[in-house]
């Protein structure tokens, strides 16, 4: 008899979790995301990128992620490509949107 309330609460909890997940997915997809690149010579030589979500700084990436050391991207185009790939991951609800060495290599960003 005691398990009956638990059996009633469990489906309700699962339904609420599912609704929250769908709301989070919709929020990520409806966010306006913008990549901004910048020359980063003060700390590391090279380029970095920022990602703004609805005009608020969301990600600040002054270096190439996933590699050893602190190196900037070789060019503005490389920084923008990495930023655009990160935006793609965010829109697909892959959070945190980490980038692996293999992904950097497949994008042609490792030299």
Protein backbone atom coordinates (compact mmCIF):
# COMPACT_ATOMS: atom_id res chain seq x y z
CA UNK A 1 0.00 0.00 0.00
CA UNK A 2 2.89 2.37 0.74
CA UNK A 3 4.33 1.93 -2.73
CA UNK A 4 1.15 3.18 -4.43
CA UNK A 5 1.89 6.91 -3.75
CA UNK A 6 5.45 6.42 -4.93
CA UNK A 7 4.17 4.83 -8.14
CA UNK A 8 1.94 7.87 -8.70
CA UNK A 9 4.69 10.40 -7.98
CA UNK A 10 7.30 8.81 -10.24
CA UNK A 11 5.42 9.39 -13.54
CA UNK A 12 4.68 12.97 -12.51
CA UNK A 13 8.36 13.61 -11.71
CA UNK A 14 9.44 12.08 -15.05
CA UNK A 15 6.91 14.25 -16.89
CA UNK A 16 8.21 17.41 -15.17
CA UNK A 17 11.82 16.50 -15.97
CA UNK A 18 10.90 15.90 -19.61
CA UNK A 19 9.11 19.27 -19.83
CA UNK A 20 12.08 21.08 -18.26
CA UNK A 21 14.45 19.44 -20.73
CA UNK A 22 12.29 20.51 -23.68
CA UNK A 23 12.14 24.07 -22.34
CA UNK A 24 15.94 24.16 -22.01
CA UNK A 25 16.30 22.84 -25.59
CA UNK A 26 13.96 25.53 -26.88
CA UNK A 27 15.79 28.24 -24.92
CA UNK A 28 19.15 27.20 -26.43
CA UNK A 29 17.73 27.08 -29.95
CA UNK A 30 16.01 30.44 -29.65
CA UNK A 31 19.07 32.23 -28.24
CA UNK A 32 20.68 34.69 -30.62
CA UNK A 33 24.33 33.63 -30.77
CA UNK A 34 27.07 35.76 -32.33
CA UNK A 35 30.79 35.08 -32.82
CA UNK A 36 33.21 37.97 -32.46
CA UNK A 37 36.92 37.51 -33.23
CA UNK A 38 39.81 39.58 -31.91
CA UNK A 39 43.56 39.85 -32.20
CA UNK A 40 45.14 38.67 -28.95
CA UNK A 41 48.73 39.90 -28.79
CA UNK A 42 48.79 41.02 -25.16
CA UNK A 43 48.65 37.53 -23.60
CA UNK A 44 49.29 35.07 -26.42
CA UNK A 45 50.14 35.66 -30.03
CA UNK A 46 47.28 35.04 -32.39
CA UNK A 47 43.51 35.26 -32.50
CA UNK A 48 40.67 34.41 -30.12
CA UNK A 49 36.91 34.54 -30.17
CA UNK A 50 33.99 35.50 -27.97
CA UNK A 51 30.48 34.14 -28.23
CA UNK A 52 27.64 36.42 -27.24
CA UNK A 53 24.24 35.01 -26.33
CA UNK A 54 21.52 37.64 -26.64
CA UNK A 55 24.18 40.39 -26.44
CA UNK A 56 25.74 39.02 -23.22
CA UNK A 57 29.22 37.48 -23.20
CA UNK A 58 28.70 33.71 -22.99
CA UNK A 59 32.14 32.30 -23.91
CA UNK A 60 35.52 34.03 -23.93
CA UNK A 61 38.11 31.90 -25.75
CA UNK A 62 41.49 33.65 -26.07
CA UNK A 63 43.42 30.44 -26.86
CA UNK A 64 43.05 27.27 -28.91
CA UNK A 65 41.09 24.86 -26.71
CA UNK A 66 42.10 21.23 -26.05
CA UNK A 67 45.78 21.65 -26.89
CA UNK A 68 48.73 21.90 -24.52
CA UNK A 69 50.10 25.35 -23.90
CA UNK A 70 48.56 28.73 -24.51
CA UNK A 71 48.48 29.52 -28.22
CA UNK A 72 46.11 31.77 -30.06
CA UNK A 73 44.54 30.75 -33.37
CA UNK A 74 46.77 31.30 -36.42
CA UNK A 75 44.29 33.54 -38.22
CA UNK A 76 41.01 35.35 -37.80
CA UNK A 77 39.40 32.77 -40.10
CA UNK A 78 40.59 29.93 -37.83
CA UNK A 79 39.20 31.66 -34.74
CA UNK A 80 35.88 32.28 -36.50
CA UNK A 81 35.67 28.65 -37.68
CA UNK A 82 36.18 27.40 -34.11
CA UNK A 83 33.64 29.91 -32.80
CA UNK A 84 31.08 28.90 -35.42
CA UNK A 85 31.63 25.23 -34.57
CA UNK A 86 31.05 26.04 -30.89
CA UNK A 87 27.82 27.88 -31.78
CA UNK A 88 26.73 24.82 -33.77
CA UNK A 89 27.26 22.65 -30.67
CA UNK A 90 25.32 25.07 -28.45
CA UNK A 91 22.39 25.09 -30.89
CA UNK A 92 22.42 21.28 -30.84
CA UNK A 93 22.24 21.51 -27.02
CA UNK A 94 25.72 20.05 -26.57
CA UNK A 95 26.62 21.85 -23.36
CA UNK A 96 29.33 22.41 -22.40
CA UNK A 97 30.37 22.84 -26.02
CA UNK A 98 33.92 21.54 -25.62
CA UNK A 99 36.08 21.06 -28.71
CA UNK A 100 38.42 18.08 -28.92
CA UNK A 101 41.78 17.85 -30.63
CA UNK A 102 40.21 15.52 -33.21
CA UNK A 103 37.51 18.11 -33.97
CA UNK A 104 40.12 20.88 -34.29
CA UNK A 105 42.04 18.64 -36.70
CA UNK A 106 38.94 17.81 -38.76
CA UNK A 107 38.24 21.55 -39.05
CA UNK A 108 41.80 22.09 -40.32
CA UNK A 109 42.71 24.28 -37.35
CA UNK A 110 45.84 22.43 -36.19
CA UNK A 111 49.11 23.27 -37.89
